[in-house]
């Protein structure tokens, strides 16, 4: 059986603009793209499923900072990405730290 899990990242891995987009999708129950739902994670975070068959890089409706996080999760065999403001920022290839 293939290993899977949840990658927990700090909200510092995404821009404030992307955070606003995630909030909007979670509260209005809309999709980030045709394949990605967004779910609220408590008061300050989100859950984003990683659809392994979907070409994340070519998705035009997904912001670049979020794409990098999703690709990082996918490369680590994770089925979910969880953003939380209380998770410590990790330095990883391709991930940028945003202060907001």
C-alpha atoms as a PDB file:
ATOM      1  CA  UNK A   1       0.000   0.000   0.000  1.00  0.00           C
ATOM      2  CA  UNK A   2       1.256   3.483  -0.876  1.00  0.00           C
ATOM      3  CA  UNK A   3       2.197   5.725   2.044  1.00  0.00           C
ATOM      4  CA  UNK A   4       0.134   8.895   2.353  1.00  0.00           C
ATOM      5  CA  UNK A   5      -0.570  11.569   4.900  1.00  0.00           C
ATOM      6  CA  UNK A   6      -1.038  15.223   5.673  1.00  0.00           C
ATOM      7  CA  UNK A   7       1.710  17.781   5.205  1.00  0.00           C
ATOM      8  CA  UNK A   8       1.391  20.583   7.759  1.00  0.00           C
ATOM      9  CA  UNK A   9       2.791  23.921   6.623  1.00  0.00           C
ATOM     10  CA  UNK A  10       2.812  27.372   8.130  1.00  0.00           C
ATOM     11  CA  UNK A  11       0.519  29.983   6.637  1.00  0.00           C
ATOM     12  CA  UNK A  12       3.796  31.896   6.116  1.00  0.00           C
ATOM     13  CA  UNK A  13       4.322  29.651   3.062  1.00  0.00           C
ATOM     14  CA  UNK A  14       1.576  31.525   1.187  1.00  0.00           C
ATOM     15  CA  UNK A  15       0.922  35.186   0.481  1.00  0.00           C
ATOM     16  CA  UNK A  16      -1.844  37.160   2.148  1.00  0.00           C
ATOM     17  CA  UNK A  17      -3.598  37.329  -1.228  1.00  0.00           C
ATOM     18  CA  UNK A  18      -3.548  33.532  -1.529  1.00  0.00           C
ATOM     19  CA  UNK A  19      -4.818  33.213   2.049  1.00  0.00           C
ATOM     20  CA  UNK A  20      -7.731  35.452   1.091  1.00  0.00           C
ATOM     21  CA  UNK A  21      -8.489  33.231  -1.892  1.00  0.00           C
ATOM     22  CA  UNK A  22      -8.435  30.119   0.333  1.00  0.00           C
ATOM     23  CA  UNK A  23     -10.781  31.817   2.815  1.00  0.00           C
ATOM     24  CA  UNK A  24     -13.152  32.786   0.044  1.00  0.00           C
ATOM     25  CA  UNK A  25     -13.254  29.231  -1.346  1.00  0.00           C
ATOM     26  CA  UNK A  26     -13.736  27.687   2.105  1.00  0.00           C
ATOM     27  CA  UNK A  27     -16.521  30.052   3.183  1.00  0.00           C
ATOM     28  CA  UNK A  28     -18.391  30.119  -0.136  1.00  0.00           C
ATOM     29  CA  UNK A  29     -17.909  26.368  -0.683  1.00  0.00           C
ATOM     30  CA  UNK A  30     -16.347  26.972  -4.095  1.00  0.00           C
ATOM     31  CA  UNK A  31     -13.449  25.103  -5.689  1.00  0.00           C
ATOM     32  CA  UNK A  32      -9.967  26.510  -6.142  1.00  0.00           C
ATOM     33  CA  UNK A  33     -10.014  24.872  -9.555  1.00  0.00           C
ATOM     34  CA  UNK A  34     -12.154  22.150 -11.069  1.00  0.00           C
ATOM     35  CA  UNK A  35     -10.342  19.521  -8.934  1.00  0.00           C
ATOM     36  CA  UNK A  36      -9.493  21.207  -5.627  1.00  0.00           C
ATOM     37  CA  UNK A  37     -11.818  21.927  -2.750  1.00  0.00           C
ATOM     38  CA  UNK A  38     -10.702  24.024   0.203  1.00  0.00           C
ATOM     39  CA  UNK A  39     -11.821  23.353   3.766  1.00  0.00           C
ATOM     40  CA  UNK A  40     -11.526  25.635   6.766  1.00  0.00           C
ATOM     41  CA  UNK A  41      -9.122  24.366   9.461  1.00  0.00           C
ATOM     42  CA  UNK A  42     -10.197  26.016  12.684  1.00  0.00           C
ATOM     43  CA  UNK A  43     -10.046  29.806  12.768  1.00  0.00           C
ATOM     44  CA  UNK A  44      -6.683  30.281  11.065  1.00  0.00           C
ATOM     45  CA  UNK A  45      -5.960  27.629   8.497  1.00  0.00           C
ATOM     46  CA  UNK A  46      -7.126  25.430   5.631  1.00  0.00           C
ATOM     47  CA  UNK A  47      -7.089  21.861   4.370  1.00  0.00           C
ATOM     48  CA  UNK A  48      -6.412  21.321   0.660  1.00  0.00           C
ATOM     49  CA  UNK A  49      -6.620  17.832  -0.880  1.00  0.00           C
ATOM     50  CA  UNK A  50      -3.840  16.787  -3.247  1.00  0.00           C
ATOM     51  CA  UNK A  51      -5.268  15.053  -6.309  1.00  0.00           C
ATOM     52  CA  UNK A  52      -2.321  13.016  -7.542  1.00  0.00           C
ATOM     53  CA  UNK A  53      -3.613  12.539 -11.110  1.00  0.00           C
ATOM     54  CA  UNK A  54      -4.126  16.285 -11.631  1.00  0.00           C
ATOM     55  CA  UNK A  55      -1.412  18.398 -13.272  1.00  0.00           C
ATOM     56  CA  UNK A  56      -1.012  21.067 -10.596  1.00  0.00           C
ATOM     57  CA  UNK A  57       1.635  22.997 -12.544  1.00  0.00           C
ATOM     58  CA  UNK A  58      -0.702  23.742 -15.461  1.00  0.00           C
ATOM     59  CA  UNK A  59      -3.673  24.856 -13.313  1.00  0.00           C
ATOM     60  CA  UNK A  60      -4.230  28.528 -14.121  1.00  0.00           C
ATOM     61  CA  UNK A  61      -6.578  29.260 -11.203  1.00  0.00           C
ATOM     62  CA  UNK A  62      -4.095  28.181  -8.517  1.00  0.00           C
ATOM     63  CA  UNK A  63      -1.682  30.898  -7.297  1.00  0.00           C
ATOM     64  CA  UNK A  64       2.024  30.130  -7.814  1.00  0.00           C
ATOM     65  CA  UNK A  65       2.875  30.125  -4.084  1.00  0.00           C
ATOM     66  CA  UNK A  66       0.123  27.597  -3.416  1.00  0.00           C
ATOM     67  CA  UNK A  67       1.186  25.461  -6.397  1.00  0.00           C
ATOM     68  CA  UNK A  68       4.680  25.179  -4.906  1.00  0.00           C
ATOM     69  CA  UNK A  69       3.243  24.035  -1.577  1.00  0.00           C
ATOM     70  CA  UNK A  70       0.961  21.529  -3.299  1.00  0.00           C
ATOM     71  CA  UNK A  71       3.807  20.143  -5.403  1.00  0.00           C
ATOM     72  CA  UNK A  72       5.949  19.844  -2.271  1.00  0.00           C
ATOM     73  CA  UNK A  73       3.146  17.873  -0.570  1.00  0.00           C
ATOM     74  CA  UNK A  74       2.694  15.701  -3.660  1.00  0.00           C
ATOM     75  CA  UNK A  75       6.448  14.976  -3.839  1.00  0.00           C
ATOM     76  CA  UNK A  76       6.270  13.789  -0.219  1.00  0.00           C
ATOM     77  CA  UNK A  77       3.374  11.391  -0.998  1.00  0.00           C
ATOM     78  CA  UNK A  78       0.841  13.419   0.965  1.00  0.00           C
ATOM     79  CA  UNK A  79      -2.858  13.337   0.137  1.00  0.00           C
ATOM     80  CA  UNK A  80      -3.624  16.509   2.075  1.00  0.00           C
ATOM     81  CA  UNK A  81      -2.021  19.866   2.701  1.00  0.00           C
ATOM     82  CA  UNK A  82      -2.861  21.641   5.962  1.00  0.00           C
ATOM     83  CA  UNK A  83      -1.993  25.296   6.487  1.00  0.00           C
ATOM     84  CA  UNK A  84      -1.914  26.546  10.073  1.00  0.00           C
ATOM     85  CA  UNK A  85      -0.618  29.815  11.509  1.00  0.00           C
ATOM     86  CA  UNK A  86       0.753  27.968  14.552  1.00  0.00           C
ATOM     87  CA  UNK A  87       2.970  25.612  12.545  1.00  0.00           C
ATOM     88  CA  UNK A  88       6.608  26.677  12.386  1.00  0.00           C
ATOM     89  CA  UNK A  89       7.824  27.728   8.929  1.00  0.00           C
ATOM     90  CA  UNK A  90      10.126  25.159   7.330  1.00  0.00           C
ATOM     91  CA  UNK A  91      12.724  25.959   4.710  1.00  0.00           C
ATOM     92  CA  UNK A  92      12.212  23.701   1.730  1.00  0.00           C
ATOM     93  CA  UNK A  93      13.146  23.886  -1.931  1.00  0.00           C
ATOM     94  CA  UNK A  94      10.756  26.130  -3.776  1.00  0.00           C
ATOM     95  CA  UNK A  95       8.913  27.434  -0.708  1.00  0.00           C
ATOM     96  CA  UNK A  96       9.148  31.122   0.104  1.00  0.00           C
ATOM     97  CA  UNK A  97       8.419  32.749   3.468  1.00  0.00           C
ATOM     98  CA  UNK A  98       5.829  35.530   3.433  1.00  0.00           C
ATOM     99  CA  UNK A  99       5.336  37.971   6.291  1.00  0.00           C
ATOM    100  CA  UNK A 100       1.855  39.363   6.695  1.00  0.00           C
END
